[in-house]
Amino acid sequence: MASAAQWIEGARLRTLPAALAPVAVGTGAAAGIDGADVLTALLCAGVALALQVGVNYANDYSDGVRGTDDVRAGPLRLVGSGAATPGAVRSAAFAAFAVAGIFGLAICWRSGAWWLLAVGAVCVLAAWGYTGGRSPYGYRGLGEVAVFTFFGLVATLGTTYVQALTISLASVAGAVGVGLLACALLMANNIRDIPTDTTSGKRTLAVRLGDPRARATYTWFLVIAFAMVVVAATQHPWALLALATVPWALVLVRRVRGGATGRDLIVVLRDTGLLELGYGVLLGLGLLL
C-alpha cells in the first residue's frame, strides 16, 4: 500500500502551477474590466487544481496498466512502481474529478452560466482520454493541443467569463500565453521521456519531432508566450510586468538547448512550472493594475 508521501508524489506537485497560472491571468483580466470576484476566483482555482491532480492520477493509471511506465527516469509513478494498485489510482483520479465537479457546480450557481457544466464534462473526458481509453490522443502527439486548449484557453477565458460575464483582448492574449507555457511544461516532460516513449510506442509530439526539433519547439513556446504579453499591454500597459520573468526563461532555454537529459530535465520541468506561475501572477497583477 502506498504511503501518504507516495500519493503526494504521485499527484506530481510540479505540474500544479500550470493549473493556477490561468486562474491568476483570468482573474486579472476580469479585474481589468471591473468584474473580479474573489470567491469565484478561488472556486476556479479549486476546479483547476482538482482537474490537474485528476489528470496526473489518470495518466499514472493508464500508463501503468499499459506498461509505459515500467522504465522511466522521472518522478514516482504509483502503478508502474507497484506502490499502489491500478484500481486505487483510478479511484483517486475519479475522486479528484468529483471534487472539480463540486467546485464547478458552485461556480455555475454563482455565475448563472449553467451551460458551463457541459464544458466541465468535456474537460473531464479530455483529461481521461489523454492516456486512457482504447485510442489515447496523448499517444498520437496531440497532448500539447489539449493542454493549450484546456489549461490555456478554457481555463483562462473561463475564469474571466464566470467573473465578468465577458472576455477581452487581454484575456485572450493571456490565455494563449499561459497555454503555450503549459505546452512547454509538457514538452520538457516528453523530451525527457523520448527514449522510453519510443520503445513503448507512445508517439508524443516530442517523439514525432525528434530531440533537436522538440527542444527548438520548447523555445518557440516561450518566445510566443512573451509576445502575448506585448499584445495584452496594448490594453493594459502594466501587463509588461510579466516580462520580468524573461531572464528566468532564458536560463531554461539555455538548459534545454544545451542538451539537458534525464534527471536534469526534471529540474527544467519544475522550473518551467514555476516560470508559468510567475508569468501568470505578474501578468494577472498587470491586468488588474
C-alpha atoms as a PDB file:
ATOM      1  CA  MET A   1       0.000   0.000   0.000  1.00  0.00           C
ATOM      2  CA  ALA A   2       1.356   3.408  -0.966  1.00  0.00           C
ATOM      3  CA  SER A   3       2.264   5.816   1.804  1.00  0.00           C
ATOM      4  CA  ALA A   4       0.833   9.325   2.089  1.00  0.00           C
ATOM      5  CA  ALA A   5       4.146  10.708   0.834  1.00  0.00           C
ATOM      6  CA  GLN A   6       3.977   8.461  -2.229  1.00  0.00           C
ATOM      7  CA  TRP A   7       0.416   9.559  -3.003  1.00  0.00           C
ATOM      8  CA  ILE A   8       1.541  13.189  -2.782  1.00  0.00           C
ATOM      9  CA  GLU A   9       4.481  12.481  -5.085  1.00  0.00           C
ATOM     10  CA  GLY A  10       2.149  10.662  -7.448  1.00  0.00           C
ATOM     11  CA  ALA A  11      -0.010  13.793  -7.642  1.00  0.00           C
ATOM     12  CA  ARG A  12       3.016  15.456  -9.307  1.00  0.00           C
ATOM     13  CA  LEU A  13       3.038  18.763  -7.480  1.00  0.00           C
ATOM     14  CA  ARG A  14       5.489  20.214 -10.026  1.00  0.00           C
ATOM     15  CA  THR A  15       2.632  20.432 -12.519  1.00  0.00           C
ATOM     16  CA  LEU A  16       0.213  22.330 -10.268  1.00  0.00           C
ATOM     17  CA  PRO A  17       1.467  25.824 -11.214  1.00  0.00           C
ATOM     18  CA  ALA A  18       0.047  25.085 -14.675  1.00  0.00           C
ATOM     19  CA  ALA A  19      -3.371  24.977 -13.017  1.00  0.00           C
ATOM     20  CA  LEU A  20      -3.015  28.213 -11.024  1.00  0.00           C
ATOM     21  CA  ALA A  21      -1.432  30.425 -13.705  1.00  0.00           C
ATOM     22  CA  PRO A  22      -4.540  30.652 -15.943  1.00  0.00           C
ATOM     23  CA  VAL A  23      -6.713  31.468 -12.918  1.00  0.00           C
ATOM     24  CA  ALA A  24      -4.366  34.326 -11.988  1.00  0.00           C
ATOM     25  CA  VAL A  25      -4.415  35.719 -15.526  1.00  0.00           C
ATOM     26  CA  GLY A  26      -8.152  35.226 -15.949  1.00  0.00           C
ATOM     27  CA  THR A  27      -8.893  36.953 -12.657  1.00  0.00           C
ATOM     28  CA  GLY A  28      -6.587  39.847 -13.501  1.00  0.00           C
ATOM     29  CA  ALA A  29      -8.343  40.233 -16.850  1.00  0.00           C
ATOM     30  CA  ALA A  30     -11.727  40.200 -15.098  1.00  0.00           C
ATOM     31  CA  ALA A  31     -10.499  42.913 -12.726  1.00  0.00           C
ATOM     32  CA  GLY A  32      -9.346  44.904 -15.730  1.00  0.00           C
ATOM     33  CA  ILE A  33     -12.952  45.077 -16.907  1.00  0.00           C
ATOM     34  CA  ASP A  34     -14.304  45.641 -13.377  1.00  0.00           C
ATOM     35  CA  GLY A  35     -15.655  42.133 -12.932  1.00  0.00           C
ATOM     36  CA  ALA A  36     -13.389  40.358 -10.443  1.00  0.00           C
ATOM     37  CA  ASP A  37     -14.968  38.258  -7.699  1.00  0.00           C
ATOM     38  CA  VAL A  38     -12.650  36.758  -5.092  1.00  0.00           C
ATOM     39  CA  LEU A  39     -14.825  33.792  -4.117  1.00  0.00           C
ATOM     40  CA  THR A  40     -15.449  32.807  -7.722  1.00  0.00           C
ATOM     41  CA  ALA A  41     -11.724  33.082  -8.429  1.00  0.00           C
ATOM     42  CA  LEU A  42     -10.979  30.737  -5.511  1.00  0.00           C
ATOM     43  CA  LEU A  43     -13.550  28.271  -6.814  1.00  0.00           C
ATOM     44  CA  CYS A  44     -11.904  28.422 -10.247  1.00  0.00           C
ATOM     45  CA  ALA A  45      -8.565  27.651  -8.597  1.00  0.00           C
ATOM     46  CA  GLY A  46     -10.169  24.670  -6.873  1.00  0.00           C
ATOM     47  CA  VAL A  47     -11.501  23.332 -10.166  1.00  0.00           C
ATOM     48  CA  ALA A  48      -8.150  23.794 -11.889  1.00  0.00           C
ATOM     49  CA  LEU A  49      -6.119  22.137  -9.128  1.00  0.00           C
ATOM     50  CA  ALA A  50      -8.514  19.202  -8.784  1.00  0.00           C
ATOM     51  CA  LEU A  51      -8.529  18.626 -12.539  1.00  0.00           C
ATOM     52  CA  GLN A  52      -4.728  18.745 -12.684  1.00  0.00           C
ATOM     53  CA  VAL A  53      -4.399  16.198  -9.881  1.00  0.00           C
ATOM     54  CA  GLY A  54      -7.064  14.075 -11.564  1.00  0.00           C
ATOM     55  CA  VAL A  55      -5.173  14.194 -14.863  1.00  0.00           C
ATOM     56  CA  ASN A  56      -1.956  13.169 -13.133  1.00  0.00           C
ATOM     57  CA  TYR A  57      -3.529  10.184 -11.393  1.00  0.00           C
ATOM     58  CA  ALA A  58      -5.405   9.207 -14.559  1.00  0.00           C
ATOM     59  CA  ASN A  59      -2.154   9.260 -16.543  1.00  0.00           C
ATOM     60  CA  ASP A  60      -0.433   7.247 -13.809  1.00  0.00           C
ATOM     61  CA  TYR A  61      -3.184   4.615 -14.005  1.00  0.00           C
ATOM     62  CA  SER A  62      -3.422   4.409 -17.809  1.00  0.00           C
ATOM     63  CA  ASP A  63       0.322   4.447 -18.484  1.00  0.00           C
ATOM     64  CA  GLY A  64       0.853   1.961 -15.669  1.00  0.00           C
ATOM     65  CA  VAL A  65      -1.592  -0.646 -16.939  1.00  0.00           C
ATOM     66  CA  ARG A  66      -0.154  -0.276 -20.462  1.00  0.00           C
ATOM     67  CA  GLY A  67       3.393  -0.818 -19.203  1.00  0.00           C
ATOM     68  CA  THR A  68       4.581   2.575 -20.465  1.00  0.00           C
ATOM     69  CA  ASP A  69       5.982   3.445 -17.017  1.00  0.00           C
ATOM     70  CA  ASP A  70       7.883   0.210 -16.425  1.00  0.00           C
ATOM     71  CA  VAL A  71      11.170   2.068 -17.037  1.00  0.00           C
ATOM     72  CA  ARG A  72      11.357   5.837 -16.501  1.00  0.00           C
ATOM     73  CA  ALA A  73      13.722   8.488 -15.193  1.00  0.00           C
ATOM     74  CA  GLY A  74      11.040  10.789 -13.864  1.00  0.00           C
ATOM     75  CA  PRO A  75       9.112  11.080 -10.611  1.00  0.00           C
ATOM     76  CA  LEU A  76       7.471   8.087  -8.928  1.00  0.00           C
ATOM     77  CA  ARG A  77       4.569   6.513 -10.763  1.00  0.00           C
ATOM     78  CA  LEU A  78       2.290   4.677  -8.376  1.00  0.00           C
ATOM     79  CA  VAL A  79       1.088   1.918 -10.698  1.00  0.00           C
ATOM     80  CA  GLY A  80       4.312   1.488 -12.666  1.00  0.00           C
ATOM     81  CA  SER A  81       6.368   1.132  -9.491  1.00  0.00           C
ATOM     82  CA  GLY A  82       3.866  -1.190  -7.831  1.00  0.00           C
ATOM     83  CA  ALA A  83       3.414   1.205  -4.906  1.00  0.00           C
ATOM     84  CA  ALA A  84      -0.373   1.258  -5.422  1.00  0.00           C
ATOM     85  CA  THR A  85      -2.862  -0.926  -7.243  1.00  0.00           C
ATOM     86  CA  PRO A  86      -4.319   0.276 -10.555  1.00  0.00           C
ATOM     87  CA  GLY A  87      -7.804   0.315  -9.020  1.00  0.00           C
ATOM     88  CA  ALA A  88      -6.733   2.558  -6.169  1.00  0.00           C
ATOM     89  CA  VAL A  89      -5.076   5.060  -8.504  1.00  0.00           C
ATOM     90  CA  ARG A  90      -8.081   5.060 -10.828  1.00  0.00           C
ATOM     91  CA  SER A  91     -10.350   5.746  -7.843  1.00  0.00           C
ATOM     92  CA  ALA A  92      -8.090   8.628  -6.782  1.00  0.00           C
ATOM     93  CA  ALA A  93      -8.414  10.134 -10.272  1.00  0.00           C
ATOM     94  CA  PHE A  94     -12.204   9.858 -10.186  1.00  0.00           C
ATOM     95  CA  ALA A  95     -12.280  11.380  -6.695  1.00  0.00           C
ATOM     96  CA  ALA A  96     -10.277  14.369  -7.917  1.00  0.00           C
ATOM     97  CA  PHE A  97     -12.626  14.800 -10.879  1.00  0.00           C
ATOM     98  CA  ALA A  98     -15.585  14.673  -8.483  1.00  0.00           C
ATOM     99  CA  VAL A  99     -14.065  17.449  -6.359  1.00  0.00           C
ATOM    100  CA  ALA A 100     -13.599  19.520  -9.513  1.00  0.00           C
ATOM    101  CA  GLY A 101     -17.248  18.892 -10.346  1.00  0.00           C
ATOM    102  CA  ILE A 102     -18.430  20.132  -6.954  1.00  0.00           C
ATOM    103  CA  PHE A 103     -16.446  23.346  -7.318  1.00  0.00           C
ATOM    104  CA  GLY A 104     -17.757  23.677 -10.866  1.00  0.00           C
ATOM    105  CA  LEU A 105     -21.361  23.423  -9.694  1.00  0.00           C
ATOM    106  CA  ALA A 106     -20.714  26.236  -7.218  1.00  0.00           C
ATOM    107  CA  ILE A 107     -19.258  28.390  -9.998  1.00  0.00           C
ATOM    108  CA  CYS A 108     -22.285  27.788 -12.222  1.00  0.00           C
ATOM    109  CA  TRP A 109     -24.605  28.681  -9.349  1.00  0.00           C
ATOM    110  CA  ARG A 110     -22.772  31.940  -8.623  1.00  0.00           C
ATOM    111  CA  SER A 111     -22.417  32.990 -12.275  1.00  0.00           C
ATOM    112  CA  GLY A 112     -25.701  31.616 -13.609  1.00  0.00           C
ATOM    113  CA  ALA A 113     -23.839  30.143 -16.572  1.00  0.00           C
ATOM    114  CA  TRP A 114     -25.169  26.594 -16.277  1.00  0.00           C
ATOM    115  CA  TRP A 115     -24.081  25.776 -19.822  1.00  0.00           C
ATOM    116  CA  LEU A 116     -20.543  25.614 -18.428  1.00  0.00           C
ATOM    117  CA  LEU A 117     -21.437  22.210 -16.960  1.00  0.00           C
ATOM    118  CA  ALA A 118     -21.103  20.838 -20.493  1.00  0.00           C
ATOM    119  CA  VAL A 119     -17.665  22.442 -20.779  1.00  0.00           C
ATOM    120  CA  GLY A 120     -16.672  20.833 -17.477  1.00  0.00           C
ATOM    121  CA  ALA A 121     -17.813  17.428 -18.699  1.00  0.00           C
ATOM    122  CA  VAL A 122     -15.694  17.816 -21.842  1.00  0.00           C
ATOM    123  CA  CYS A 123     -12.712  18.772 -19.667  1.00  0.00           C
ATOM    124  CA  VAL A 124     -13.051  15.564 -17.631  1.00  0.00           C
ATOM    125  CA  LEU A 125     -13.421  13.433 -20.756  1.00  0.00           C
ATOM    126  CA  ALA A 126     -10.331  15.088 -22.244  1.00  0.00           C
ATOM    127  CA  ALA A 127      -8.414  14.524 -19.012  1.00  0.00           C
ATOM    128  CA  TRP A 128      -9.217  10.820 -19.077  1.00  0.00           C
ATOM    129  CA  GLY A 129      -8.709  10.412 -22.826  1.00  0.00           C
ATOM    130  CA  TYR A 130      -5.157  11.801 -22.759  1.00  0.00           C
ATOM    131  CA  THR A 131      -3.703   8.394 -21.922  1.00  0.00           C
ATOM    132  CA  GLY A 132      -6.872   6.405 -21.182  1.00  0.00           C
ATOM    133  CA  GLY A 133      -9.317   4.525 -23.359  1.00  0.00           C
ATOM    134  CA  ARG A 134      -8.706   2.493 -26.476  1.00  0.00           C
ATOM    135  CA  SER A 135      -7.129   5.295 -28.506  1.00  0.00           C
ATOM    136  CA  PRO A 136      -5.488   7.843 -26.171  1.00  0.00           C
ATOM    137  CA  TYR A 137      -4.729  11.054 -28.014  1.00  0.00           C
ATOM    138  CA  GLY A 138      -1.601  11.654 -25.917  1.00  0.00           C
ATOM    139  CA  TYR A 139      -0.065   8.626 -27.655  1.00  0.00           C
ATOM    140  CA  ARG A 140      -0.675  10.259 -31.050  1.00  0.00           C
ATOM    141  CA  GLY A 141       1.121  13.548 -30.451  1.00  0.00           C
ATOM    142  CA  LEU A 142      -1.956  15.606 -29.551  1.00  0.00           C
ATOM    143  CA  GLY A 143      -1.127  16.251 -25.902  1.00  0.00           C
ATOM    144  CA  GLU A 144       0.048  19.807 -26.496  1.00  0.00           C
ATOM    145  CA  VAL A 145      -3.148  20.608 -28.411  1.00  0.00           C
ATOM    146  CA  ALA A 146      -5.247  19.509 -25.433  1.00  0.00           C
ATOM    147  CA  VAL A 147      -3.058  21.268 -22.872  1.00  0.00           C
ATOM    148  CA  PHE A 148      -3.190  24.519 -24.858  1.00  0.00           C
ATOM    149  CA  THR A 149      -6.960  24.228 -25.220  1.00  0.00           C
ATOM    150  CA  PHE A 150      -7.926  23.252 -21.683  1.00  0.00           C
ATOM    151  CA  PHE A 151      -5.130  24.664 -19.485  1.00  0.00           C
ATOM    152  CA  GLY A 152      -4.792  27.764 -21.649  1.00  0.00           C
ATOM    153  CA  LEU A 153      -7.911  28.921 -23.455  1.00  0.00           C
ATOM    154  CA  VAL A 154     -10.649  27.219 -21.443  1.00  0.00           C
ATOM    155  CA  ALA A 155      -9.106  27.783 -18.004  1.00  0.00           C
ATOM    156  CA  THR A 156      -8.149  31.422 -18.551  1.00  0.00           C
ATOM    157  CA  LEU A 157     -11.137  32.613 -20.541  1.00  0.00           C
ATOM    158  CA  GLY A 158     -13.492  30.562 -18.381  1.00  0.00           C
ATOM    159  CA  THR A 159     -12.094  32.235 -15.257  1.00  0.00           C
ATOM    160  CA  THR A 160     -12.604  35.671 -16.791  1.00  0.00           C
ATOM    161  CA  TYR A 161     -16.076  34.899 -18.058  1.00  0.00           C
ATOM    162  CA  VAL A 162     -17.559  33.494 -14.845  1.00  0.00           C
ATOM    163  CA  GLN A 163     -16.471  36.653 -13.027  1.00  0.00           C
ATOM    164  CA  ALA A 164     -17.104  39.383 -15.611  1.00  0.00           C
ATOM    165  CA  LEU A 165     -19.576  37.564 -17.926  1.00  0.00           C
ATOM    166  CA  THR A 166     -17.467  38.721 -20.874  1.00  0.00           C
ATOM    167  CA  ILE A 167     -13.893  38.407 -22.158  1.00  0.00           C
ATOM    168  CA  SER A 168     -11.361  40.898 -23.530  1.00  0.00           C
ATOM    169  CA  LEU A 169      -8.408  41.019 -25.904  1.00  0.00           C
ATOM    170  CA  ALA A 170      -6.077  40.983 -22.893  1.00  0.00           C
ATOM    171  CA  SER A 171      -7.700  37.818 -21.534  1.00  0.00           C
ATOM    172  CA  VAL A 172      -7.335  36.116 -24.930  1.00  0.00           C
ATOM    173  CA  ALA A 173      -3.662  37.106 -25.164  1.00  0.00           C
ATOM    174  CA  GLY A 174      -3.089  35.878 -21.615  1.00  0.00           C
ATOM    175  CA  ALA A 175      -4.885  32.616 -22.381  1.00  0.00           C
ATOM    176  CA  VAL A 176      -2.618  31.996 -25.370  1.00  0.00           C
ATOM    177  CA  GLY A 177       0.462  32.858 -23.295  1.00  0.00           C
ATOM    178  CA  VAL A 178      -0.242  30.560 -20.355  1.00  0.00           C
ATOM    179  CA  GLY A 179      -1.433  27.860 -22.739  1.00  0.00           C
ATOM    180  CA  LEU A 180       1.904  27.908 -24.549  1.00  0.00           C
ATOM    181  CA  LEU A 181       3.828  27.804 -21.271  1.00  0.00           C
ATOM    182  CA  ALA A 182       1.749  24.786 -20.259  1.00  0.00           C
ATOM    183  CA  CYS A 183       2.726  23.227 -23.604  1.00  0.00           C
ATOM    184  CA  ALA A 184       6.377  23.962 -22.800  1.00  0.00           C
ATOM    185  CA  LEU A 185       5.915  22.183 -19.468  1.00  0.00           C
ATOM    186  CA  LEU A 186       4.567  19.104 -21.241  1.00  0.00           C
ATOM    187  CA  MET A 187       7.273  19.296 -23.899  1.00  0.00           C
ATOM    188  CA  ALA A 188      10.015  19.315 -21.253  1.00  0.00           C
ATOM    189  CA  ASN A 189       8.452  16.220 -19.714  1.00  0.00           C
ATOM    190  CA  ASN A 190       8.182  14.465 -23.064  1.00  0.00           C
ATOM    191  CA  ILE A 191      11.699  15.354 -24.221  1.00  0.00           C
ATOM    192  CA  ARG A 192      12.948  13.581 -21.107  1.00  0.00           C
ATOM    193  CA  ASP A 193      10.837  10.534 -21.959  1.00  0.00           C
ATOM    194  CA  ILE A 194      11.692  10.284 -25.686  1.00  0.00           C
ATOM    195  CA  PRO A 195      13.805   7.107 -25.275  1.00  0.00           C
ATOM    196  CA  THR A 196      11.252   5.194 -23.194  1.00  0.00           C
ATOM    197  CA  ASP A 197       8.218   6.534 -25.079  1.00  0.00           C
ATOM    198  CA  THR A 198       9.785   5.486 -28.395  1.00  0.00           C
ATOM    199  CA  THR A 199      10.329   1.965 -27.085  1.00  0.00           C
ATOM    200  CA  SER A 200       6.793   1.673 -25.687  1.00  0.00           C
ATOM    201  CA  GLY A 201       5.123   3.072 -28.795  1.00  0.00           C
ATOM    202  CA  LYS A 202       3.944   6.320 -27.205  1.00  0.00           C
ATOM    203  CA  ARG A 203       4.147   8.777 -30.112  1.00  0.00           C
ATOM    204  CA  THR A 204       4.164  12.095 -28.271  1.00  0.00           C
ATOM    205  CA  LEU A 205       4.844  15.300 -30.184  1.00  0.00           C
ATOM    206  CA  ALA A 206       8.420  15.198 -28.870  1.00  0.00           C
ATOM    207  CA  VAL A 207       8.872  11.687 -30.268  1.00  0.00           C
ATOM    208  CA  ARG A 208       7.376  12.702 -33.613  1.00  0.00           C
ATOM    209  CA  LEU A 209       9.554  15.815 -33.885  1.00  0.00           C
ATOM    210  CA  GLY A 210      12.733  14.182 -32.664  1.00  0.00           C
ATOM    211  CA  ASP A 211      15.010  15.516 -29.946  1.00  0.00           C
ATOM    212  CA  PRO A 212      16.533  18.595 -31.700  1.00  0.00           C
ATOM    213  CA  ARG A 213      13.242  19.932 -33.082  1.00  0.00           C
ATOM    214  CA  ALA A 214      11.401  19.207 -29.835  1.00  0.00           C
ATOM    215  CA  ARG A 215      13.928  21.373 -27.992  1.00  0.00           C
ATOM    216  CA  ALA A 216      13.502  24.131 -30.578  1.00  0.00           C
ATOM    217  CA  THR A 217       9.719  23.892 -30.178  1.00  0.00           C
ATOM    218  CA  TYR A 218      10.085  24.331 -26.411  1.00  0.00           C
ATOM    219  CA  THR A 219      11.931  27.581 -27.128  1.00  0.00           C
ATOM    220  CA  TRP A 220       9.269  28.863 -29.519  1.00  0.00           C
ATOM    221  CA  PHE A 221       6.527  28.140 -26.999  1.00  0.00           C
ATOM    222  CA  LEU A 222       8.271  30.533 -24.598  1.00  0.00           C
ATOM    223  CA  VAL A 223       9.032  33.170 -27.244  1.00  0.00           C
ATOM    224  CA  ILE A 224       5.406  33.398 -28.415  1.00  0.00           C
ATOM    225  CA  ALA A 225       4.124  33.386 -24.821  1.00  0.00           C
ATOM    226  CA  PHE A 226       6.132  36.523 -24.106  1.00  0.00           C
ATOM    227  CA  ALA A 227       4.959  38.102 -27.360  1.00  0.00           C
ATOM    228  CA  MET A 228       1.431  37.726 -25.975  1.00  0.00           C
ATOM    229  CA  VAL A 229       2.443  39.939 -23.043  1.00  0.00           C
ATOM    230  CA  VAL A 230       3.086  42.752 -25.511  1.00  0.00           C
ATOM    231  CA  VAL A 231      -0.337  42.159 -27.077  1.00  0.00           C
ATOM    232  CA  ALA A 232      -2.011  42.324 -23.650  1.00  0.00           C
ATOM    233  CA  ALA A 233      -0.073  45.510 -22.902  1.00  0.00           C
ATOM    234  CA  THR A 234      -1.831  47.295 -25.761  1.00  0.00           C
ATOM    235  CA  GLN A 235      -4.887  47.311 -23.470  1.00  0.00           C
ATOM    236  CA  HIS A 236      -3.174  47.303 -20.088  1.00  0.00           C
ATOM    237  CA  PRO A 237       0.417  48.657 -20.131  1.00  0.00           C
ATOM    238  CA  TRP A 238       1.124  47.221 -16.678  1.00  0.00           C
ATOM    239  CA  ALA A 239       0.912  43.759 -18.269  1.00  0.00           C
ATOM    240  CA  LEU A 240       4.566  44.314 -19.178  1.00  0.00           C
ATOM    241  CA  LEU A 241       5.339  43.312 -15.573  1.00  0.00           C
ATOM    242  CA  ALA A 242       5.293  39.713 -16.818  1.00  0.00           C
ATOM    243  CA  LEU A 243       8.438  40.431 -18.856  1.00  0.00           C
ATOM    244  CA  ALA A 244      10.314  40.382 -15.543  1.00  0.00           C
ATOM    245  CA  THR A 245      10.336  36.578 -15.922  1.00  0.00           C
ATOM    246  CA  VAL A 246      12.253  36.713 -19.231  1.00  0.00           C
ATOM    247  CA  PRO A 247      15.693  36.169 -17.583  1.00  0.00           C
ATOM    248  CA  TRP A 248      14.311  33.043 -15.903  1.00  0.00           C
ATOM    249  CA  ALA A 249      13.027  31.834 -19.268  1.00  0.00           C
ATOM    250  CA  LEU A 250      16.433  32.405 -20.872  1.00  0.00           C
ATOM    251  CA  VAL A 251      18.075  30.175 -18.262  1.00  0.00           C
ATOM    252  CA  LEU A 252      15.609  27.406 -19.072  1.00  0.00           C
ATOM    253  CA  VAL A 253      16.105  27.788 -22.810  1.00  0.00           C
ATOM    254  CA  ARG A 254      19.867  27.501 -22.382  1.00  0.00           C
ATOM    255  CA  ARG A 255      19.417  24.291 -20.381  1.00  0.00           C
ATOM    256  CA  VAL A 256      17.052  22.732 -22.882  1.00  0.00           C
ATOM    257  CA  ARG A 257      19.001  23.808 -25.972  1.00  0.00           C
ATOM    258  CA  GLY A 258      22.213  22.800 -24.206  1.00  0.00           C
ATOM    259  CA  GLY A 259      21.138  19.159 -24.241  1.00  0.00           C
ATOM    260  CA  ALA A 260      19.860  18.531 -20.698  1.00  0.00           C
ATOM    261  CA  THR A 261      18.644  14.944 -20.360  1.00  0.00           C
ATOM    262  CA  GLY A 262      17.174  12.567 -17.807  1.00  0.00           C
ATOM    263  CA  ARG A 263      17.042  13.924 -14.285  1.00  0.00           C
ATOM    264  CA  ASP A 264      18.400  17.301 -15.417  1.00  0.00           C
ATOM    265  CA  LEU A 265      15.160  17.738 -17.333  1.00  0.00           C
ATOM    266  CA  ILE A 266      13.199  17.072 -14.148  1.00  0.00           C
ATOM    267  CA  VAL A 267      14.670  20.333 -12.847  1.00  0.00           C
ATOM    268  CA  VAL A 268      13.674  22.028 -16.114  1.00  0.00           C
ATOM    269  CA  LEU A 269      10.175  20.603 -15.702  1.00  0.00           C
ATOM    270  CA  ARG A 270       9.897  22.003 -12.185  1.00  0.00           C
ATOM    271  CA  ASP A 271      11.294  25.396 -13.145  1.00  0.00           C
ATOM    272  CA  THR A 272       9.083  25.675 -16.235  1.00  0.00           C
ATOM    273  CA  GLY A 273       6.076  25.181 -13.973  1.00  0.00           C
ATOM    274  CA  LEU A 274       7.355  27.903 -11.654  1.00  0.00           C
ATOM    275  CA  LEU A 275       8.032  30.150 -14.656  1.00  0.00           C
ATOM    276  CA  GLU A 276       4.427  29.695 -15.756  1.00  0.00           C
ATOM    277  CA  LEU A 277       3.197  30.550 -12.275  1.00  0.00           C
ATOM    278  CA  GLY A 278       5.399  33.665 -12.064  1.00  0.00           C
ATOM    279  CA  TYR A 279       4.305  34.722 -15.546  1.00  0.00           C
ATOM    280  CA  GLY A 280       0.654  34.185 -14.645  1.00  0.00           C
ATOM    281  CA  VAL A 281       0.818  36.064 -11.350  1.00  0.00           C
ATOM    282  CA  LEU A 282       2.686  39.044 -12.790  1.00  0.00           C
ATOM    283  CA  LEU A 283       0.523  39.202 -15.903  1.00  0.00           C
ATOM    284  CA  GLY A 284      -2.625  38.925 -13.778  1.00  0.00           C
ATOM    285  CA  LEU A 285      -1.344  41.686 -11.495  1.00  0.00           C
ATOM    286  CA  GLY A 286      -0.547  43.869 -14.502  1.00  0.00           C
ATOM    287  CA  LEU A 287      -4.044  43.408 -15.922  1.00  0.00           C
ATOM    288  CA  LEU A 288      -5.528  44.232 -12.528  1.00  0.00           C
ATOM    289  CA  LEU A 289      -3.487  47.413 -12.214  1.00  0.00           C
END
